């Protein structure tokens, strides 16, 4: 059906791929399931799915490399799947542009919940900035030094040049800009940006903050050791 959410699922294990596809389809998703990274990239370009689930260890083009290729072309949400929760694979996937990750083996209901949480974030990337320490430039635009945030148009400029942010990065920036100078803990950011109603892996926050710093300026977001991060007013 046209109104179904389309999921691209790349997984080389036949049993996991088929079982997960059936589970997602039972929950109302349309699924394109591919066994390797190269066919996954072709399917992405042909179908332009609403979200991509990529296993880290797939043949041909590994999941991290596939994520990078997708991110070069699109801001579509990406969830990485990894069997090694404590592995560098998790960080590599996030650094490549993934928005979240799920460790294997996973419960089908948990995977669906994480997919829906990511989709909610991408469907509602808005926020409001109300702290008076930011300079209000009119029309919903906030300025922090050379950084301009259009909270209505969802656009960011640095030194007059556009800054390309993924929806997750935009939500993170909006959280910081809503309370500049206020320290936000990693747990609070997980709750507000990643829609986690439970404790999650704070590496997700750390990697996204680092990615955001690379785009808006390394010194714009300050680390407050033992507490979290804050946007410099």
Protein backbone atom coordinates (compact mmCIF):
# COMPACT_ATOMS: atom_id res chain seq x y z
CA UNK A 1 0.00 0.00 0.00
CA UNK A 2 1.16 3.52 -0.78
CA UNK A 3 0.89 4.71 2.81
CA UNK A 4 3.04 1.92 4.23
CA UNK A 5 6.41 2.76 5.69
CA UNK A 6 9.05 1.24 3.43
CA UNK A 7 11.99 -0.43 5.17
CA UNK A 8 15.21 -1.45 3.46
CA UNK A 9 16.68 -4.37 5.40
CA UNK A 10 20.20 -5.59 4.57
CA UNK A 11 21.18 -8.83 6.32
CA UNK A 12 23.23 -11.77 4.99
CA UNK A 13 21.90 -14.41 7.40
CA UNK A 14 18.97 -16.03 5.56
CA UNK A 15 17.11 -17.07 8.72
CA UNK A 16 17.40 -13.67 10.40
CA UNK A 17 16.56 -11.84 7.19
CA UNK A 18 13.44 -13.86 6.44
CA UNK A 19 12.18 -13.96 10.04
CA UNK A 20 12.71 -10.24 10.55
CA UNK A 21 11.07 -9.39 7.24
CA UNK A 22 7.98 -11.40 8.21
CA UNK A 23 7.86 -9.77 11.64
CA UNK A 24 8.10 -6.27 10.18
CA UNK A 25 5.47 -7.02 7.56
CA UNK A 26 3.12 -8.29 10.26
CA UNK A 27 3.51 -4.89 11.91
CA UNK A 28 2.45 -3.15 8.72
CA UNK A 29 5.79 -2.25 7.16
CA UNK A 30 6.65 -2.79 3.51
CA UNK A 31 10.07 -4.47 3.43
CA UNK A 32 12.75 -4.81 0.80
CA UNK A 33 15.24 -7.36 2.14
CA UNK A 34 18.66 -7.77 0.54
CA UNK A 35 21.52 -10.20 1.38
CA UNK A 36 24.56 -7.97 0.77
CA UNK A 37 25.68 -4.37 0.70
CA UNK A 38 25.92 -3.89 -3.05
CA UNK A 39 22.40 -5.15 -3.72
CA UNK A 40 21.29 -3.10 -0.72
CA UNK A 41 22.72 0.06 -2.29
CA UNK A 42 20.98 -0.72 -5.58
CA UNK A 43 17.70 -1.30 -3.74
CA UNK A 44 18.10 1.95 -1.86
CA UNK A 45 18.59 3.92 -5.05
CA UNK A 46 15.73 2.16 -6.81
CA UNK A 47 13.17 2.32 -4.01
CA UNK A 48 14.14 5.31 -1.80
CA UNK A 49 12.89 3.68 1.42
CA UNK A 50 11.69 5.56 4.49
CA UNK A 51 14.27 3.91 6.74
CA UNK A 52 17.23 1.55 6.35
CA UNK A 53 18.25 -1.30 8.67
CA UNK A 54 21.83 -2.31 7.95
CA UNK A 55 23.71 -5.21 9.48
CA UNK A 56 27.34 -4.27 10.07
CA UNK A 57 28.84 -7.51 8.77
CA UNK A 58 27.43 -8.08 5.29
CA UNK A 59 29.44 -9.15 2.24
CA UNK A 60 30.33 -7.11 -0.82
CA UNK A 61 29.93 -3.72 0.82
CA UNK A 62 29.88 -3.81 4.62
CA UNK A 63 27.14 -2.07 6.55
CA UNK A 64 29.30 0.85 7.69
CA UNK A 65 30.44 1.57 4.13
CA UNK A 66 26.87 1.22 2.89
CA UNK A 67 25.73 3.69 5.53
CA UNK A 68 28.33 6.19 4.31
CA UNK A 69 27.15 5.76 0.71
CA UNK A 70 23.54 6.28 1.73
CA UNK A 71 24.42 9.31 3.83
CA UNK A 72 26.23 10.86 0.86
CA UNK A 73 22.92 10.78 -1.03
CA UNK A 74 20.21 11.11 1.59
CA UNK A 75 19.26 12.01 5.15
CA UNK A 76 16.97 8.97 5.40
CA UNK A 77 17.15 7.45 8.90
CA UNK A 78 19.57 4.55 9.32
CA UNK A 79 19.67 1.97 12.11
CA UNK A 80 22.71 -0.28 12.32
CA UNK A 81 22.45 -3.88 13.51
CA UNK A 82 25.47 -5.34 15.28
CA UNK A 83 26.11 -8.59 17.11
CA UNK A 84 28.92 -6.99 19.10
CA UNK A 85 27.57 -4.35 21.48
CA UNK A 86 30.98 -3.55 22.91
CA UNK A 87 32.69 -3.47 19.54
CA UNK A 88 34.13 -0.53 17.65
CA UNK A 89 31.54 -1.44 15.01
CA UNK A 90 28.91 0.48 16.95
CA UNK A 91 30.93 3.69 17.01
CA UNK A 92 32.01 3.26 13.38
CA UNK A 93 28.40 2.91 12.32
CA UNK A 94 27.35 6.03 14.19
CA UNK A 95 30.32 7.98 12.84
CA UNK A 96 29.33 6.89 9.34
CA UNK A 97 26.01 8.66 9.80
CA UNK A 98 23.71 6.10 11.42
CA UNK A 99 21.06 7.51 13.73
CA UNK A 100 20.79 4.55 16.10
CA UNK A 101 21.79 0.92 16.49
CA UNK A 102 20.31 -2.32 17.78
CA UNK A 103 22.35 -5.28 18.99
CA UNK A 104 21.70 -8.85 17.91
CA UNK A 105 20.02 -11.03 18.88
CA UNK A 106 17.09 -8.66 19.14
CA UNK A 107 13.45 -9.06 20.06
CA UNK A 108 11.12 -8.24 17.17
CA UNK A 109 8.97 -5.98 19.35
CA UNK A 110 12.06 -4.05 20.49
CA UNK A 111 13.22 -3.56 16.90
CA UNK A 112 9.79 -2.30 15.85
CA UNK A 113 9.72 0.09 18.81
CA UNK A 114 13.13 1.49 17.88
CA UNK A 115 12.09 1.89 14.24
CA UNK A 116 8.95 3.75 15.25
CA UNK A 117 10.93 5.95 17.65
CA UNK A 118 13.35 6.95 14.87
CA UNK A 119 10.49 7.61 12.46
CA UNK A 120 8.73 9.80 15.04
CA UNK A 121 11.89 11.85 15.41
CA UNK A 122 12.20 12.30 11.69
CA UNK A 123 8.56 13.22 11.30
CA UNK A 124 8.73 15.81 14.06
CA UNK A 125 12.16 17.42 13.87
CA UNK A 126 10.90 20.71 15.19
CA UNK A 127 11.59 22.38 18.48
CA UNK A 128 11.51 25.76 20.06
CA UNK A 129 14.24 27.99 21.39
CA UNK A 130 13.11 30.24 24.17
CA UNK A 131 16.14 31.18 26.26
CA UNK A 132 16.75 34.90 26.16
CA UNK A 133 20.52 34.52 26.03
CA UNK A 134 20.28 33.71 22.35
CA UNK A 135 19.95 36.63 19.97
CA UNK A 136 16.53 36.58 18.31
CA UNK A 137 16.97 37.66 14.70
CA UNK A 138 13.29 37.57 13.83
CA UNK A 139 11.25 34.97 11.95
CA UNK A 140 12.20 32.19 14.35
CA UNK A 141 15.94 32.57 13.75
CA UNK A 142 18.41 32.30 16.63
CA UNK A 143 22.04 33.39 16.43
CA UNK A 144 25.00 32.21 18.46
CA UNK A 145 28.05 34.05 17.19
CA UNK A 146 28.39 33.10 13.52
CA UNK A 147 25.81 30.33 13.89
CA UNK A 148 22.22 30.98 12.74
CA UNK A 149 19.40 28.52 13.42
CA UNK A 150 16.09 28.94 11.62
CA UNK A 151 13.76 27.03 13.94
CA UNK A 152 10.83 27.35 11.55
CA UNK A 153 12.52 26.55 8.26
CA UNK A 154 14.78 23.93 9.90
CA UNK A 155 17.88 25.46 8.35
CA UNK A 156 21.29 26.24 9.82
CA UNK A 157 23.95 28.62 8.55
CA UNK A 158 27.48 29.18 9.78
CA UNK A 159 29.27 32.33 8.75
CA UNK A 160 26.53 32.81 6.20
CA UNK A 161 27.01 29.39 4.60
CA UNK A 162 24.40 26.60 4.82
CA UNK A 163 25.16 23.68 7.12
CA UNK A 164 23.73 20.30 6.11
CA UNK A 165 22.42 18.46 9.18
CA UNK A 166 20.63 15.16 9.41
CA UNK A 167 17.25 15.31 11.20
CA UNK A 168 18.82 13.74 14.30
CA UNK A 169 21.59 16.33 14.32
CA UNK A 170 19.00 19.07 13.89
CA UNK A 171 16.96 17.79 16.82
CA UNK A 172 20.10 17.65 18.93
CA UNK A 173 21.02 21.22 18.02
CA UNK A 174 17.47 22.41 18.75
CA UNK A 175 17.64 20.84 22.21
CA UNK A 176 20.87 22.70 22.93
CA UNK A 177 19.60 25.97 21.48
CA UNK A 178 16.40 25.81 23.53
CA UNK A 179 18.51 26.25 26.68
CA UNK A 180 21.91 27.72 25.79
CA UNK A 181 24.36 27.66 28.67
CA UNK A 182 22.36 24.91 30.41
CA UNK A 183 24.06 21.55 30.88
CA UNK A 184 22.07 18.68 29.36
CA UNK A 185 22.96 15.21 30.55
CA UNK A 186 23.45 12.35 28.14
CA UNK A 187 20.44 10.56 29.62
CA UNK A 188 18.28 13.64 29.14
CA UNK A 189 19.40 13.94 25.53
CA UNK A 190 18.67 10.26 24.95
CA UNK A 191 15.17 10.84 26.27
CA UNK A 192 14.46 14.03 24.35
CA UNK A 193 16.26 13.43 21.05
CA UNK A 194 16.26 9.65 20.69
CA UNK A 195 12.87 9.16 22.35
CA UNK A 196 14.24 6.59 24.78
CA UNK A 197 11.95 6.07 27.74
CA UNK A 198 14.67 3.89 29.23
CA UNK A 199 18.40 4.05 29.69
CA UNK A 200 20.32 3.70 26.46
CA UNK A 201 23.91 3.62 25.29
CA UNK A 202 25.32 7.12 25.72
CA UNK A 203 27.82 6.50 22.93
CA UNK A 204 24.97 7.43 20.60
CA UNK A 205 24.92 10.90 22.15
CA UNK A 206 28.70 11.31 22.24
CA UNK A 207 29.19 10.43 18.58
CA UNK A 208 26.35 12.67 17.42
CA UNK A 209 27.70 15.57 19.48
CA UNK A 210 31.09 15.09 17.84
CA UNK A 211 29.50 15.00 14.38
CA UNK A 212 27.55 18.16 15.19
CA UNK A 213 30.70 19.91 16.42
CA UNK A 214 32.44 19.15 13.14
CA UNK A 215 29.66 21.00 11.32
CA UNK A 216 28.93 23.98 13.59
CA UNK A 217 32.34 24.48 15.20
CA UNK A 218 34.32 22.39 17.66
CA UNK A 219 34.11 25.00 20.42
CA UNK A 220 30.37 25.70 20.09
CA UNK A 221 29.31 22.76 22.29
CA UNK A 222 31.17 22.44 25.56
CA UNK A 223 31.73 19.19 27.46
CA UNK A 224 31.03 19.47 31.18
CA UNK A 225 32.85 16.47 32.59
CA UNK A 226 30.68 14.19 34.68
CA UNK A 227 27.47 16.00 33.71
CA UNK A 228 26.95 16.33 29.99
CA UNK A 229 27.09 19.03 27.31
CA UNK A 230 25.99 22.62 26.85
CA UNK A 231 25.74 25.06 24.00
CA UNK A 232 27.83 28.17 24.57
CA UNK A 233 25.50 31.16 24.69
